[in-house]
């Protein structure tokens, strides 16, 4: 299952300061979530730096069960379809 932690910081791709979603994945047998990649929609497409972003480096590597409340089920963007 994939959930998202929003990390505040500067995006080098869009040059905006804001909240960016880091994706976390939990394997079926594990009690915790592990950091996977950034799930940003930079400039209308998938971010080229999703695995090397500085914001991803700043995000915690593991989210323990007692801090799972910080994760969100779905990303809600501000883009109009």
N, C-alpha and C. Protein backbone atom coordinates (compact mmCIF):
# COMPACT_ATOMS: atom_id res chain seq x y z
N UNK A 1 0.83 -1.17 0.00
CA UNK A 1 0.00 0.00 0.00
C UNK A 1 0.89 1.25 0.00
N UNK A 2 0.51 2.23 -0.78
CA UNK A 2 1.29 3.46 -0.90
C UNK A 2 0.56 4.61 -0.22
N UNK A 3 1.30 5.36 0.61
CA UNK A 3 0.77 6.56 1.26
C UNK A 3 1.78 7.68 1.07
N UNK A 4 1.38 8.90 1.42
CA UNK A 4 2.20 10.06 1.13
C UNK A 4 2.43 10.92 2.37
N UNK A 5 3.66 11.38 2.53
CA UNK A 5 4.03 12.34 3.56
C UNK A 5 4.41 13.63 2.85
N UNK A 6 3.79 14.72 3.22
CA UNK A 6 4.09 16.00 2.58
C UNK A 6 5.25 16.67 3.29
N UNK A 7 6.30 16.97 2.53
CA UNK A 7 7.53 17.55 3.04
C UNK A 7 7.62 18.99 2.56
N UNK A 8 7.90 19.90 3.49
CA UNK A 8 8.01 21.31 3.10
C UNK A 8 9.43 21.60 2.66
N UNK A 9 9.55 22.33 1.55
CA UNK A 9 10.86 22.71 1.07
C UNK A 9 10.82 23.33 -0.31
N UNK A 10 11.99 23.58 -0.86
CA UNK A 10 12.15 24.24 -2.15
C UNK A 10 12.32 23.19 -3.25
N UNK A 11 11.49 23.27 -4.29
CA UNK A 11 11.57 22.35 -5.43
C UNK A 11 12.51 22.96 -6.47
N UNK A 12 13.58 22.26 -6.80
CA UNK A 12 14.54 22.76 -7.78
C UNK A 12 14.01 22.67 -9.21
N UNK A 13 12.99 21.85 -9.42
CA UNK A 13 12.42 21.70 -10.76
C UNK A 13 11.47 22.85 -11.10
N UNK A 14 10.57 23.18 -10.16
CA UNK A 14 9.60 24.25 -10.42
C UNK A 14 10.00 25.59 -9.83
N UNK A 15 11.00 25.58 -8.95
CA UNK A 15 11.48 26.79 -8.27
C UNK A 15 10.42 27.39 -7.36
N UNK A 16 9.63 26.54 -6.70
CA UNK A 16 8.60 26.97 -5.75
C UNK A 16 8.90 26.38 -4.38
N UNK A 17 8.55 27.14 -3.35
CA UNK A 17 8.61 26.66 -1.98
C UNK A 17 7.21 26.17 -1.63
N UNK A 18 7.11 24.98 -1.06
CA UNK A 18 5.79 24.46 -0.71
C UNK A 18 5.87 23.06 -0.16
N UNK A 19 4.73 22.41 -0.11
CA UNK A 19 4.63 21.03 0.36
C UNK A 19 4.69 20.09 -0.84
N UNK A 20 5.60 19.14 -0.78
CA UNK A 20 5.78 18.17 -1.86
C UNK A 20 5.57 16.76 -1.30
N UNK A 21 4.90 15.87 -2.04
CA UNK A 21 4.59 14.53 -1.51
C UNK A 21 5.71 13.51 -1.71
N UNK A 22 6.11 12.90 -0.61
CA UNK A 22 7.05 11.78 -0.65
C UNK A 22 6.24 10.51 -0.49
N UNK A 23 6.44 9.55 -1.38
CA UNK A 23 5.68 8.29 -1.35
C UNK A 23 6.35 7.29 -0.42
N UNK A 24 5.53 6.62 0.37
CA UNK A 24 5.99 5.57 1.27
C UNK A 24 5.21 4.31 0.96
N UNK A 25 5.91 3.17 1.03
CA UNK A 25 5.30 1.88 0.71
C UNK A 25 5.46 0.94 1.90
N UNK A 26 4.38 0.21 2.20
CA UNK A 26 4.45 -0.81 3.27
C UNK A 26 4.22 -2.16 2.63
N UNK A 27 5.15 -3.05 2.86
CA UNK A 27 4.99 -4.43 2.41
C UNK A 27 3.97 -5.13 3.30
N UNK A 28 3.36 -6.17 2.81
CA UNK A 28 2.28 -6.83 3.54
C UNK A 28 2.70 -7.34 4.92
N UNK A 29 3.90 -7.83 5.06
CA UNK A 29 4.34 -8.42 6.32
C UNK A 29 4.99 -7.41 7.27
N UNK A 30 5.28 -6.21 6.79
CA UNK A 30 6.00 -5.22 7.61
C UNK A 30 5.03 -4.31 8.36
N UNK A 31 5.38 -3.91 9.59
CA UNK A 31 4.51 -3.01 10.35
C UNK A 31 4.77 -1.52 10.06
N UNK A 32 5.79 -1.20 9.26
CA UNK A 32 6.15 0.19 9.03
C UNK A 32 6.21 0.51 7.54
N UNK A 33 6.21 1.80 7.23
CA UNK A 33 6.31 2.29 5.84
C UNK A 33 7.75 2.69 5.55
N UNK A 34 8.21 2.41 4.34
CA UNK A 34 9.57 2.72 3.90
C UNK A 34 9.50 3.75 2.77
N UNK A 35 10.40 4.73 2.81
CA UNK A 35 10.46 5.78 1.80
C UNK A 35 10.75 5.19 0.43
N UNK A 36 10.02 5.66 -0.60
CA UNK A 36 10.17 5.12 -1.94
C UNK A 36 10.68 6.17 -2.93
N UNK A 37 9.88 7.22 -3.17
CA UNK A 37 10.22 8.23 -4.17
C UNK A 37 9.37 9.48 -3.94
N UNK A 38 9.68 10.55 -4.64
CA UNK A 38 8.84 11.73 -4.61
C UNK A 38 7.73 11.52 -5.62
N UNK A 39 6.52 11.92 -5.28
CA UNK A 39 5.35 11.72 -6.14
C UNK A 39 4.83 13.06 -6.64
N UNK A 40 5.73 13.93 -7.05
CA UNK A 40 5.37 15.28 -7.51
C UNK A 40 4.88 15.26 -8.95
N UNK A 41 4.08 16.25 -9.29
CA UNK A 41 3.66 16.47 -10.67
C UNK A 41 4.32 17.75 -11.16
N UNK A 42 5.59 17.77 -11.25
CA UNK A 42 6.34 18.97 -11.61
C UNK A 42 6.02 19.42 -13.03
N UNK A 43 5.57 20.64 -13.15
CA UNK A 43 5.34 21.29 -14.44
C UNK A 43 4.51 20.44 -15.39
N UNK A 44 3.48 19.78 -14.87
CA UNK A 44 2.55 19.05 -15.73
C UNK A 44 2.94 17.63 -16.07
N UNK A 45 4.04 17.13 -15.59
CA UNK A 45 4.46 15.76 -15.88
C UNK A 45 5.18 15.17 -14.69
N UNK A 46 5.66 13.96 -14.83
CA UNK A 46 6.38 13.32 -13.74
C UNK A 46 7.73 13.98 -13.54
N UNK A 47 8.14 14.14 -12.32
CA UNK A 47 9.41 14.80 -12.00
C UNK A 47 10.59 13.93 -12.41
N UNK A 48 11.59 14.55 -13.01
CA UNK A 48 12.80 13.82 -13.43
C UNK A 48 13.69 13.48 -12.24
N UNK A 49 13.51 14.21 -11.14
CA UNK A 49 14.37 14.04 -9.97
C UNK A 49 13.65 13.29 -8.85
N UNK A 50 12.67 12.47 -9.17
CA UNK A 50 11.84 11.84 -8.13
C UNK A 50 12.61 10.95 -7.16
N UNK A 51 13.74 10.42 -7.58
CA UNK A 51 14.53 9.55 -6.71
C UNK A 51 15.79 10.21 -6.16
N UNK A 52 16.13 11.40 -6.66
CA UNK A 52 17.36 12.08 -6.23
C UNK A 52 17.08 13.45 -5.61
N UNK A 53 15.84 13.79 -5.39
CA UNK A 53 15.44 15.09 -4.88
C UNK A 53 15.98 15.33 -3.47
N UNK A 54 16.37 16.57 -3.18
CA UNK A 54 16.83 16.93 -1.84
C UNK A 54 15.73 16.76 -0.81
N UNK A 55 14.48 17.01 -1.21
CA UNK A 55 13.35 16.84 -0.28
C UNK A 55 13.20 15.37 0.10
N UNK A 56 13.47 14.47 -0.82
CA UNK A 56 13.39 13.05 -0.52
C UNK A 56 14.47 12.66 0.49
N UNK A 57 15.65 13.26 0.34
CA UNK A 57 16.74 12.99 1.29
C UNK A 57 16.40 13.49 2.68
N UNK A 58 15.63 14.58 2.78
CA UNK A 58 15.24 15.15 4.08
C UNK A 58 14.11 14.39 4.75
N UNK A 59 13.33 13.65 3.97
CA UNK A 59 12.20 12.89 4.53
C UNK A 59 12.72 11.70 5.33
N UNK A 60 12.01 11.32 6.39
CA UNK A 60 12.45 10.16 7.19
C UNK A 60 12.47 8.88 6.34
N UNK A 61 13.44 8.00 6.60
CA UNK A 61 13.56 6.76 5.85
C UNK A 61 12.42 5.78 6.16
N UNK A 62 11.98 5.77 7.41
CA UNK A 62 10.96 4.83 7.86
C UNK A 62 9.92 5.59 8.68
N UNK A 63 8.65 5.25 8.49
CA UNK A 63 7.56 5.79 9.31
C UNK A 63 7.05 4.63 10.17
N UNK A 64 7.28 4.75 11.45
CA UNK A 64 6.85 3.72 12.40
C UNK A 64 5.33 3.74 12.58
N UNK A 65 4.74 2.64 13.05
CA UNK A 65 3.28 2.57 13.21
C UNK A 65 2.69 3.69 14.08
N UNK A 66 3.41 4.13 15.11
CA UNK A 66 2.88 5.17 15.99
C UNK A 66 2.87 6.56 15.33
N UNK A 67 3.58 6.72 14.22
CA UNK A 67 3.58 8.00 13.49
C UNK A 67 2.89 7.88 12.14
N UNK A 68 2.19 6.80 11.93
CA UNK A 68 1.50 6.55 10.66
C UNK A 68 0.41 7.59 10.40
N UNK A 69 -0.08 8.25 11.43
CA UNK A 69 -1.13 9.26 11.28
C UNK A 69 -0.66 10.42 10.40
N UNK A 70 0.65 10.61 10.24
CA UNK A 70 1.18 11.70 9.41
C UNK A 70 1.02 11.44 7.91
N UNK A 71 0.78 10.19 7.53
CA UNK A 71 0.66 9.82 6.13
C UNK A 71 -0.75 10.03 5.61
N UNK A 72 -0.88 10.35 4.33
CA UNK A 72 -2.17 10.56 3.68
C UNK A 72 -2.44 9.44 2.69
N UNK A 73 -3.71 9.08 2.56
CA UNK A 73 -4.12 8.02 1.63
C UNK A 73 -3.92 8.42 0.18
N UNK A 74 -4.44 9.60 -0.19
CA UNK A 74 -4.39 10.05 -1.57
C UNK A 74 -3.85 11.46 -1.64
N UNK A 75 -3.20 11.76 -2.74
CA UNK A 75 -2.74 13.12 -2.98
C UNK A 75 -3.91 13.91 -3.57
N UNK A 76 -4.09 15.08 -3.09
CA UNK A 76 -5.12 15.97 -3.66
C UNK A 76 -4.40 17.18 -4.22
N UNK A 77 -4.34 17.25 -5.54
CA UNK A 77 -3.64 18.34 -6.20
C UNK A 77 -4.53 19.56 -6.40
N UNK A 78 -3.93 20.60 -6.92
CA UNK A 78 -4.66 21.83 -7.18
C UNK A 78 -4.85 22.07 -8.68
N UNK A 79 -4.42 21.09 -9.48
CA UNK A 79 -4.53 21.26 -10.93
C UNK A 79 -5.97 21.00 -11.40
N UNK A 80 -6.41 21.78 -12.36
CA UNK A 80 -7.72 21.58 -12.94
C UNK A 80 -7.59 20.63 -14.12
N UNK A 81 -8.55 19.74 -14.24
CA UNK A 81 -8.51 18.80 -15.35
C UNK A 81 -9.27 19.33 -16.53
